[in-house]
């Protein structure tokens, strides 16, 4: 809205995943499902490897717990 980026629009990944994908601070992660692909900002968090969390709905599927592929 008004050309400003929403600071709360991000996903959380653990440090191991960030390193494995060679993501850079301030960059985006690509989240892909069977239907859609979205780019999102990310933050490092203490969560289990292989998972991502988001406080906002990610437009990749219509329900929680969907399997997605993440990449750089």
PDB file of N, CA and C in Angstrom:
ATOM      1  N   UNK A   1       0.832  -1.182   0.000  1.00  0.00           N
ATOM      2  CA  UNK A   1       0.000   0.000   0.000  1.00  0.00           C
ATOM      3  C   UNK A   1       0.873   1.241   0.000  1.00  0.00           C
ATOM      4  N   UNK A   2       0.534   2.218  -0.754  1.00  0.00           N
ATOM      5  CA  UNK A   2       1.241   3.480  -0.901  1.00  0.00           C
ATOM      6  C   UNK A   2       2.702   3.287  -1.308  1.00  0.00           C
ATOM      7  N   UNK A   3       3.007   2.187  -2.014  1.00  0.00           N
ATOM      8  CA  UNK A   3       4.362   1.941  -2.482  1.00  0.00           C
ATOM      9  C   UNK A   3       5.344   1.520  -1.403  1.00  0.00           C
ATOM     10  N   UNK A   4       4.870   1.240  -0.189  1.00  0.00           N
ATOM     11  CA  UNK A   4       5.745   0.818   0.895  1.00  0.00           C
ATOM     12  C   UNK A   4       5.649  -0.685   1.079  1.00  0.00           C
ATOM     13  N   UNK A   5       6.800  -1.307   1.317  1.00  0.00           N
ATOM     14  CA  UNK A   5       6.820  -2.739   1.542  1.00  0.00           C
ATOM     15  C   UNK A   5       6.316  -3.049   2.947  1.00  0.00           C
ATOM     16  N   UNK A   6       5.527  -4.101   3.071  1.00  0.00           N
ATOM     17  CA  UNK A   6       5.009  -4.524   4.361  1.00  0.00           C
ATOM     18  C   UNK A   6       6.110  -5.273   5.112  1.00  0.00           C
ATOM     19  N   UNK A   7       6.631  -4.696   6.186  1.00  0.00           N
ATOM     20  CA  UNK A   7       7.714  -5.296   6.963  1.00  0.00           C
ATOM     21  C   UNK A   7       7.297  -6.624   7.597  1.00  0.00           C
ATOM     22  N   UNK A   8       6.003  -6.866   7.737  1.00  0.00           N
ATOM     23  CA  UNK A   8       5.520  -8.096   8.366  1.00  0.00           C
ATOM     24  C   UNK A   8       5.308  -9.227   7.381  1.00  0.00           C
ATOM     25  N   UNK A   9       5.539  -8.986   6.097  1.00  0.00           N
ATOM     26  CA  UNK A   9       5.334 -10.014   5.076  1.00  0.00           C
ATOM     27  C   UNK A   9       6.642 -10.784   4.890  1.00  0.00           C
ATOM     28  N   UNK A  10       6.849 -11.823   5.710  1.00  0.00           N
ATOM     29  CA  UNK A  10       8.059 -12.626   5.614  1.00  0.00           C
ATOM     30  C   UNK A  10       7.760 -14.045   6.064  1.00  0.00           C
ATOM     31  N   UNK A  11       8.671 -14.943   5.731  1.00  0.00           N
ATOM     32  CA  UNK A  11       8.587 -16.308   6.225  1.00  0.00           C
ATOM     33  C   UNK A  11       9.793 -16.554   7.119  1.00  0.00           C
ATOM     34  N   UNK A  12       9.679 -17.526   7.991  1.00  0.00           N
ATOM     35  CA  UNK A  12      10.772 -17.889   8.887  1.00  0.00           C
ATOM     36  C   UNK A  12      11.362 -19.221   8.439  1.00  0.00           C
ATOM     37  N   UNK A  13      12.689 -19.256   8.376  1.00  0.00           N
ATOM     38  CA  UNK A  13      13.442 -20.456   8.032  1.00  0.00           C
ATOM     39  C   UNK A  13      14.533 -20.644   9.074  1.00  0.00           C
ATOM     40  N   UNK A  14      15.037 -21.883   9.233  1.00  0.00           N
ATOM     41  CA  UNK A  14      16.150 -22.035  10.167  1.00  0.00           C
ATOM     42  C   UNK A  14      17.468 -21.755   9.450  1.00  0.00           C
ATOM     43  N   UNK A  15      18.532 -21.557  10.215  1.00  0.00           N
ATOM     44  CA  UNK A  15      19.822 -21.168   9.668  1.00  0.00           C
ATOM     45  C   UNK A  15      20.372 -22.225   8.715  1.00  0.00           C
ATOM     46  N   UNK A  16      20.171 -23.498   9.021  1.00  0.00           N
ATOM     47  CA  UNK A  16      20.660 -24.575   8.158  1.00  0.00           C
ATOM     48  C   UNK A  16      20.024 -24.492   6.766  1.00  0.00           C
ATOM     49  N   UNK A  17      18.735 -24.222   6.701  1.00  0.00           N
ATOM     50  CA  UNK A  17      18.041 -24.090   5.415  1.00  0.00           C
ATOM     51  C   UNK A  17      18.551 -22.874   4.655  1.00  0.00           C
ATOM     52  N   UNK A  18      18.735 -21.763   5.345  1.00  0.00           N
ATOM     53  CA  UNK A  18      19.239 -20.543   4.713  1.00  0.00           C
ATOM     54  C   UNK A  18      20.619 -20.799   4.107  1.00  0.00           C
ATOM     55  N   UNK A  19      21.472 -21.475   4.842  1.00  0.00           N
ATOM     56  CA  UNK A  19      22.816 -21.789   4.326  1.00  0.00           C
ATOM     57  C   UNK A  19      22.756 -22.764   3.159  1.00  0.00           C
ATOM     58  N   UNK A  20      21.915 -23.798   3.288  1.00  0.00           N
ATOM     59  CA  UNK A  20      21.798 -24.799   2.225  1.00  0.00           C
ATOM     60  C   UNK A  20      21.340 -24.155   0.916  1.00  0.00           C
ATOM     61  N   UNK A  21      20.422 -23.196   0.999  1.00  0.00           N
ATOM     62  CA  UNK A  21      19.905 -22.521  -0.195  1.00  0.00           C
ATOM     63  C   UNK A  21      20.782 -21.343  -0.624  1.00  0.00           C
ATOM     64  N   UNK A  22      21.813 -21.054   0.183  1.00  0.00           N
ATOM     65  CA  UNK A  22      22.719 -19.935  -0.079  1.00  0.00           C
ATOM     66  C   UNK A  22      21.965 -18.614  -0.213  1.00  0.00           C
ATOM     67  N   UNK A  23      20.995 -18.420   0.682  1.00  0.00           N
ATOM     68  CA  UNK A  23      20.226 -17.183   0.697  1.00  0.00           C
ATOM     69  C   UNK A  23      21.067 -16.076   1.317  1.00  0.00           C
ATOM     70  N   UNK A  24      20.843 -14.856   0.886  1.00  0.00           N
ATOM     71  CA  UNK A  24      21.595 -13.726   1.418  1.00  0.00           C
ATOM     72  C   UNK A  24      20.666 -12.814   2.208  1.00  0.00           C
ATOM     73  N   UNK A  25      21.222 -12.219   3.256  1.00  0.00           N
ATOM     74  CA  UNK A  25      20.452 -11.313   4.101  1.00  0.00           C
ATOM     75  C   UNK A  25      19.827 -10.206   3.254  1.00  0.00           C
ATOM     76  N   UNK A  26      18.551  -9.954   3.474  1.00  0.00           N
ATOM     77  CA  UNK A  26      17.829  -8.941   2.711  1.00  0.00           C
ATOM     78  C   UNK A  26      17.255  -9.457   1.410  1.00  0.00           C
ATOM     79  N   UNK A  27      17.561 -10.714   1.075  1.00  0.00           N
ATOM     80  CA  UNK A  27      17.064 -11.309  -0.169  1.00  0.00           C
ATOM     81  C   UNK A  27      15.721 -11.989   0.011  1.00  0.00           C
ATOM     82  N   UNK A  28      15.323 -12.718  -0.991  1.00  0.00           N
ATOM     83  CA  UNK A  28      14.046 -13.435  -0.985  1.00  0.00           C
ATOM     84  C   UNK A  28      14.267 -14.931  -1.103  1.00  0.00           C
ATOM     85  N   UNK A  29      13.268 -15.683  -0.717  1.00  0.00           N
ATOM     86  CA  UNK A  29      13.225 -17.119  -0.927  1.00  0.00           C
ATOM     87  C   UNK A  29      12.051 -17.398  -1.862  1.00  0.00           C
ATOM     88  N   UNK A  30      12.236 -18.313  -2.795  1.00  0.00           N
ATOM     89  CA  UNK A  30      11.178 -18.693  -3.733  1.00  0.00           C
ATOM     90  C   UNK A  30      10.428 -19.871  -3.139  1.00  0.00           C
ATOM     91  N   UNK A  31       9.109 -19.766  -3.046  1.00  0.00           N
ATOM     92  CA  UNK A  31       8.258 -20.808  -2.482  1.00  0.00           C
ATOM     93  C   UNK A  31       7.346 -21.296  -3.593  1.00  0.00           C
ATOM     94  N   UNK A  32       7.449 -22.597  -3.902  1.00  0.00           N
ATOM     95  CA  UNK A  32       6.723 -23.131  -5.042  1.00  0.00           C
ATOM     96  C   UNK A  32       5.851 -24.316  -4.616  1.00  0.00           C
ATOM     97  N   UNK A  33       4.611 -24.298  -5.048  1.00  0.00           N
ATOM     98  CA  UNK A  33       3.716 -25.435  -4.863  1.00  0.00           C
ATOM     99  C   UNK A  33       3.327 -25.921  -6.253  1.00  0.00           C
ATOM    100  N   UNK A  34       2.402 -26.841  -6.329  1.00  0.00           N
ATOM    101  CA  UNK A  34       1.946 -27.334  -7.632  1.00  0.00           C
ATOM    102  C   UNK A  34       1.262 -26.234  -8.424  1.00  0.00           C
ATOM    103  N   UNK A  35       0.618 -25.313  -7.744  1.00  0.00           N
ATOM    104  CA  UNK A  35      -0.180 -24.289  -8.397  1.00  0.00           C
ATOM    105  C   UNK A  35       0.535 -22.965  -8.641  1.00  0.00           C
ATOM    106  N   UNK A  36       1.288 -22.473  -7.666  1.00  0.00           N
ATOM    107  CA  UNK A  36       1.847 -21.121  -7.719  1.00  0.00           C
ATOM    108  C   UNK A  36       3.286 -21.075  -7.239  1.00  0.00           C
ATOM    109  N   UNK A  37       3.946 -19.969  -7.573  1.00  0.00           N
ATOM    110  CA  UNK A  37       5.272 -19.658  -7.055  1.00  0.00           C
ATOM    111  C   UNK A  37       5.246 -18.223  -6.547  1.00  0.00           C
ATOM    112  N   UNK A  38       5.783 -18.012  -5.346  1.00  0.00           N
ATOM    113  CA  UNK A  38       5.869 -16.660  -4.794  1.00  0.00           C
ATOM    114  C   UNK A  38       7.276 -16.429  -4.262  1.00  0.00           C
ATOM    115  N   UNK A  39       7.705 -15.182  -4.292  1.00  0.00           N
ATOM    116  CA  UNK A  39       8.954 -14.763  -3.678  1.00  0.00           C
ATOM    117  C   UNK A  39       8.600 -14.065  -2.381  1.00  0.00           C
ATOM    118  N   UNK A  40       9.328 -14.392  -1.309  1.00  0.00           N
ATOM    119  CA  UNK A  40       9.043 -13.779  -0.010  1.00  0.00           C
ATOM    120  C   UNK A  40      10.339 -13.425   0.698  1.00  0.00           C
ATOM    121  N   UNK A  41      10.305 -12.369   1.469  1.00  0.00           N
ATOM    122  CA  UNK A  41      11.409 -12.046   2.377  1.00  0.00           C
ATOM    123  C   UNK A  41      11.477 -13.158   3.413  1.00  0.00           C
ATOM    124  N   UNK A  42      12.637 -13.320   4.040  1.00  0.00           N
ATOM    125  CA  UNK A  42      12.764 -14.359   5.060  1.00  0.00           C
ATOM    126  C   UNK A  42      13.512 -13.827   6.261  1.00  0.00           C
ATOM    127  N   UNK A  43      13.333 -14.510   7.365  1.00  0.00           N
ATOM    128  CA  UNK A  43      14.080 -14.253   8.595  1.00  0.00           C
ATOM    129  C   UNK A  43      14.523 -15.590   9.151  1.00  0.00           C
ATOM    130  N   UNK A  44      15.680 -15.583   9.783  1.00  0.00           N
ATOM    131  CA  UNK A  44      16.194 -16.796  10.417  1.00  0.00           C
ATOM    132  C   UNK A  44      15.514 -16.952  11.763  1.00  0.00           C
ATOM    133  N   UNK A  45      15.057 -18.172  12.022  1.00  0.00           N
ATOM    134  CA  UNK A  45      14.336 -18.462  13.248  1.00  0.00           C
ATOM    135  C   UNK A  45      14.744 -19.845  13.738  1.00  0.00           C
ATOM    136  N   UNK A  46      14.480 -20.135  14.980  1.00  0.00           N
ATOM    137  CA  UNK A  46      14.822 -21.424  15.565  1.00  0.00           C
ATOM    138  C   UNK A  46      13.661 -22.401  15.374  1.00  0.00           C
ATOM    139  N   UNK A  47      13.502 -22.875  14.138  1.00  0.00           N
ATOM    140  CA  UNK A  47      12.460 -23.857  13.830  1.00  0.00           C
ATOM    141  C   UNK A  47      13.116 -25.108  13.259  1.00  0.00           C
ATOM    142  N   UNK A  48      12.359 -26.177  13.149  1.00  0.00           N
ATOM    143  CA  UNK A  48      12.878 -27.441  12.649  1.00  0.00           C
ATOM    144  C   UNK A  48      13.289 -27.326  11.186  1.00  0.00           C
ATOM    145  N   UNK A  49      14.352 -28.030  10.832  1.00  0.00           N
ATOM    146  CA  UNK A  49      14.846 -28.032   9.466  1.00  0.00           C
ATOM    147  C   UNK A  49      13.785 -28.576   8.510  1.00  0.00           C
ATOM    148  N   UNK A  50      13.668 -27.939   7.364  1.00  0.00           N
ATOM    149  CA  UNK A  50      12.723 -28.399   6.349  1.00  0.00           C
ATOM    150  C   UNK A  50      11.352 -27.767   6.441  1.00  0.00           C
ATOM    151  N   UNK A  51      11.163 -26.855   7.379  1.00  0.00           N
ATOM    152  CA  UNK A  51       9.875 -26.187   7.545  1.00  0.00           C
ATOM    153  C   UNK A  51      10.031 -24.696   7.325  1.00  0.00           C
ATOM    154  N   UNK A  52       8.941 -24.052   6.966  1.00  0.00           N
ATOM    155  CA  UNK A  52       8.901 -22.593   6.962  1.00  0.00           C
ATOM    156  C   UNK A  52       7.627 -22.168   7.651  1.00  0.00           C
ATOM    157  N   UNK A  53       7.684 -21.029   8.292  1.00  0.00           N
ATOM    158  CA  UNK A  53       6.526 -20.476   8.990  1.00  0.00           C
ATOM    159  C   UNK A  53       6.219 -19.093   8.443  1.00  0.00           C
ATOM    160  N   UNK A  54       4.954 -18.755   8.441  1.00  0.00           N
ATOM    161  CA  UNK A  54       4.534 -17.419   8.041  1.00  0.00           C
ATOM    162  C   UNK A  54       3.319 -17.031   8.853  1.00  0.00           C
ATOM    163  N   UNK A  55       3.313 -15.789   9.316  1.00  0.00           N
ATOM    164  CA  UNK A  55       2.151 -15.315  10.056  1.00  0.00           C
ATOM    165  C   UNK A  55       1.048 -14.876   9.094  1.00  0.00           C
ATOM    166  N   UNK A  56       1.390 -14.758   7.840  1.00  0.00           N
ATOM    167  CA  UNK A  56       0.426 -14.349   6.820  1.00  0.00           C
ATOM    168  C   UNK A  56       0.170 -15.504   5.870  1.00  0.00           C
ATOM    169  N   UNK A  57      -0.946 -15.505   5.234  1.00  0.00           N
ATOM    170  CA  UNK A  57      -1.275 -16.532   4.250  1.00  0.00           C
ATOM    171  C   UNK A  57      -0.380 -16.358   3.023  1.00  0.00           C
ATOM    172  N   UNK A  58       0.242 -17.434   2.609  1.00  0.00           N
ATOM    173  CA  UNK A  58       1.066 -17.433   1.408  1.00  0.00           C
ATOM    174  C   UNK A  58       0.203 -17.988   0.278  1.00  0.00           C
ATOM    175  N   UNK A  59       0.092 -17.276  -0.830  1.00  0.00           N
ATOM    176  CA  UNK A  59      -0.837 -17.723  -1.888  1.00  0.00           C
ATOM    177  C   UNK A  59      -0.308 -18.876  -2.719  1.00  0.00           C
ATOM    178  N   UNK A  60       0.012 -20.003  -2.055  1.00  0.00           N
ATOM    179  CA  UNK A  60       0.457 -21.173  -2.792  1.00  0.00           C
ATOM    180  C   UNK A  60      -0.560 -22.302  -2.751  1.00  0.00           C
ATOM    181  N   UNK A  61      -1.398 -22.344  -1.768  1.00  0.00           N
ATOM    182  CA  UNK A  61      -2.457 -23.345  -1.659  1.00  0.00           C
ATOM    183  C   UNK A  61      -3.526 -22.838  -0.705  1.00  0.00           C
ATOM    184  N   UNK A  62      -4.637 -23.518  -0.654  1.00  0.00           N
ATOM    185  CA  UNK A  62      -5.752 -23.053   0.130  1.00  0.00           C
ATOM    186  C   UNK A  62      -5.856 -23.583   1.543  1.00  0.00           C
ATOM    187  N   UNK A  63      -4.868 -24.333   2.019  1.00  0.00           N
ATOM    188  CA  UNK A  63      -4.961 -24.852   3.381  1.00  0.00           C
ATOM    189  C   UNK A  63      -3.582 -24.892   4.019  1.00  0.00           C
ATOM    190  N   UNK A  64      -3.549 -24.966   5.345  1.00  0.00           N
ATOM    191  CA  UNK A  64      -2.284 -25.007   6.085  1.00  0.00           C
ATOM    192  C   UNK A  64      -1.668 -26.391   5.986  1.00  0.00           C
ATOM    193  N   UNK A  65      -0.346 -26.426   6.072  1.00  0.00           N
ATOM    194  CA  UNK A  65       0.354 -27.696   6.083  1.00  0.00           C
ATOM    195  C   UNK A  65       0.634 -28.259   4.703  1.00  0.00           C
ATOM    196  N   UNK A  66       0.550 -27.449   3.681  1.00  0.00           N
ATOM    197  CA  UNK A  66       0.801 -27.924   2.329  1.00  0.00           C
ATOM    198  C   UNK A  66       2.302 -28.085   2.097  1.00  0.00           C
ATOM    199  N   UNK A  67       2.687 -29.077   1.332  1.00  0.00           N
ATOM    200  CA  UNK A  67       4.088 -29.291   1.002  1.00  0.00           C
ATOM    201  C   UNK A  67       4.498 -28.372  -0.138  1.00  0.00           C
ATOM    202  N   UNK A  68       5.615 -27.672   0.046  1.00  0.00           N
ATOM    203  CA  UNK A  68       6.116 -26.756  -0.980  1.00  0.00           C
ATOM    204  C   UNK A  68       7.603 -27.006  -1.188  1.00  0.00           C
ATOM    205  N   UNK A  69       8.123 -26.486  -2.268  1.00  0.00           N
ATOM    206  CA  UNK A  69       9.550 -26.528  -2.544  1.00  0.00           C
ATOM    207  C   UNK A  69      10.080 -25.112  -2.362  1.00  0.00           C
ATOM    208  N   UNK A  70      11.226 -24.972  -1.699  1.00  0.00           N
ATOM    209  CA  UNK A  70      11.817 -23.641  -1.527  1.00  0.00           C
ATOM    210  C   UNK A  70      13.180 -23.614  -2.209  1.00  0.00           C
ATOM    211  N   UNK A  71      13.517 -22.466  -2.766  1.00  0.00           N
ATOM    212  CA  UNK A  71      14.786 -22.323  -3.459  1.00  0.00           C
ATOM    213  C   UNK A  71      15.219 -20.865  -3.449  1.00  0.00           C
ATOM    214  N   UNK A  72      16.394 -20.631  -3.953  1.00  0.00           N
ATOM    215  CA  UNK A  72      16.934 -19.287  -4.025  1.00  0.00           C
ATOM    216  C   UNK A  72      16.471 -18.605  -5.283  1.00  0.00           C
TER     217      UNK A  72
END
